[in-house]
Protein backbone atom coordinates (compact mmCIF):
# COMPACT_ATOMS: atom_id res chain seq x y z
CA UNK A 1 -80.52 149.47 76.69
CA UNK A 2 -78.18 152.05 77.02
CA UNK A 3 -78.13 154.14 73.48
CA UNK A 4 -76.40 156.94 72.39
CA UNK A 5 -77.33 158.59 69.40
CA UNK A 6 -74.89 161.66 67.39
CA UNK A 7 -76.58 163.54 64.89
CA UNK A 8 -76.11 166.55 63.29
CA UNK A 9 -72.93 165.78 60.92
CA UNK A 10 -72.75 167.34 57.70
CA UNK A 11 -70.94 169.17 54.47
CA UNK A 12 -69.60 172.68 55.85
CA UNK A 13 -67.05 174.65 54.61
CA UNK A 14 -63.85 175.88 56.44
CA UNK A 15 -64.80 178.40 58.61
CA UNK A 16 -68.06 177.42 58.89
CA UNK A 17 -70.11 175.96 62.31
CA UNK A 18 -71.54 172.70 63.18
CA UNK A 19 -73.67 171.52 65.81
CA UNK A 20 -73.49 167.89 66.85
CA UNK A 21 -76.21 166.60 69.08
CA UNK A 22 -76.03 163.34 70.98
CA UNK A 23 -78.93 162.21 72.84
CA UNK A 24 -78.84 159.46 75.61
CA UNK A 25 -81.26 156.83 76.81
CA UNK A 26 -81.05 153.55 79.50
CA UNK A 27 -78.45 154.85 82.15
CA UNK A 28 -79.06 157.74 84.63
CA UNK A 29 -77.93 160.77 82.48
CA UNK A 30 -77.26 162.64 85.00
CA UNK A 31 -74.04 160.78 86.67
CA UNK A 32 -72.43 160.35 83.97
CA UNK A 33 -69.63 162.16 81.95
CA UNK A 34 -69.81 162.15 78.47
CA UNK A 35 -66.82 162.39 75.57
CA UNK A 36 -66.36 163.27 71.63
CA UNK A 37 -63.99 161.48 70.14
CA UNK A 38 -62.98 161.57 66.62
CA UNK A 39 -61.47 159.56 63.94
CA UNK A 40 -60.40 161.05 60.82
CA UNK A 41 -59.31 157.75 57.90
CA UNK A 42 -55.60 156.01 58.38
CA UNK A 43 -56.01 157.91 62.08
CA UNK A 44 -56.68 156.87 65.72
CA UNK A 45 -59.48 158.26 67.58
CA UNK A 46 -58.82 161.11 69.05
CA UNK A 47 -60.28 162.11 71.95
CA UNK A 48 -61.97 165.98 71.50
CA UNK A 49 -63.84 167.13 74.66
CA UNK A 50 -65.87 165.90 77.87
CA UNK A 51 -67.98 167.19 80.08
CA UNK A 52 -67.98 165.63 83.58
CA UNK A 53 -71.49 164.75 85.69
CA UNK A 54 -71.00 168.58 87.08
CA UNK A 55 -70.43 170.45 84.01
CA UNK A 56 -66.99 170.63 84.02
CA UNK A 57 -65.39 170.88 80.47
CA UNK A 58 -61.98 169.53 78.71
CA UNK A 59 -60.94 170.03 75.47
CA UNK A 60 -58.46 168.63 73.36
CA UNK A 61 -55.60 171.38 72.17
CA UNK A 62 -56.62 171.85 68.76
CA UNK A 63 -60.31 172.77 69.30
CA UNK A 64 -59.93 175.16 72.16
CA UNK A 65 -61.16 177.90 71.62
CA UNK A 66 -63.38 177.22 68.89
CA UNK A 67 -65.60 174.21 70.20
CA UNK A 68 -67.71 174.15 72.95
CA UNK A 69 -69.52 171.14 74.79
CA UNK A 70 -72.34 171.96 77.02
CA UNK A 71 -74.76 168.87 78.25
CA UNK A 72 -79.00 169.99 78.96
CA UNK A 73 -79.99 166.88 81.36
CA UNK A 74 -83.68 167.44 81.16
CA UNK A 75 -83.24 166.64 77.85
CA UNK A 76 -81.03 163.80 77.86
CA UNK A 77 -78.44 165.49 75.20
CA UNK A 78 -75.24 166.79 74.92
CA UNK A 79 -74.26 169.02 72.84
CA UNK A 80 -70.95 170.11 70.53
CA UNK A 81 -70.85 173.62 69.46
CA UNK A 82 -67.79 173.77 66.41
CA UNK A 83 -66.69 176.99 64.80
CA UNK A 84 -64.27 178.07 62.71
CA UNK A 85 -64.32 174.31 61.00
CA UNK A 86 -61.23 173.44 59.44
CA UNK A 87 -60.52 170.43 56.97
CA UNK A 88 -58.16 168.65 59.39
CA UNK A 89 -61.35 168.36 61.22
CA UNK A 90 -62.92 166.11 59.01
CA UNK A 91 -63.58 163.31 60.71
CA UNK A 92 -65.97 160.42 62.26
CA UNK A 93 -67.39 161.68 65.75
CA UNK A 94 -68.90 159.59 68.42
CA UNK A 95 -70.64 159.64 71.91
CA UNK A 96 -69.25 158.31 74.22
CA UNK A 97 -70.76 157.32 77.98
CA UNK A 98 -68.89 156.88 81.19
CA UNK A 99 -71.60 155.45 83.74
CA UNK A 100 -69.21 155.96 86.45
CA UNK A 101 -68.89 159.84 86.35
CA UNK A 102 -64.86 159.73 86.37
CA UNK A 103 -62.86 162.68 84.00
CA UNK A 104 -59.22 161.38 84.73
CA UNK A 105 -58.47 160.22 81.49
CA UNK A 106 -61.17 161.76 79.29
CA UNK A 107 -59.37 161.91 76.05
CA UNK A 108 -58.29 157.75 76.88
CA UNK A 109 -61.27 155.64 74.66
CA UNK A 110 -61.06 152.38 77.12
CA UNK A 111 -62.48 154.23 79.90
CA UNK A 112 -66.24 154.56 78.42
CA UNK A 113 -68.87 152.27 79.17
CA UNK A 114 -70.45 152.75 75.94
CA UNK A 115 -70.82 154.78 72.69
CA UNK A 116 -72.57 155.62 69.70
CA UNK A 117 -72.35 154.82 66.02
CA UNK A 118 -70.28 158.15 64.65
CA UNK A 119 -71.82 161.13 62.68
CA UNK A 120 -69.95 162.09 59.41
CA UNK A 121 -68.38 165.63 59.92
CA UNK A 122 -66.63 167.40 56.31
CA UNK A 123 -64.51 170.25 56.17
CA UNK A 124 -64.54 171.08 52.06
CA UNK A 125 -65.07 173.96 50.13
């Protein structure tokens, strides 16, 4: 019943921008914290950003100042605006929901209850 669907991934040139969306259904969206993770080939899943039920935001150092997470509770959607993209941002990006709305350990994949299927972001000239 719970569903998270990512969209917006694309091929983009270095320095470009993308906005990813995560559309949620099947749970009380307003109570959940939502995280964005990414996984590059041969690497582990990395926490990128998180937004709490109260819209407090968290970012990995590698994306601070470039990425912005936001949520629209009316649309049950979380966004990740990615600017100044670099080749090292290339990865499959996943959104995940913590139904308990916690933010301690937000960058640890194990705290999340549900995951989307991912969307590919490729940054290359």
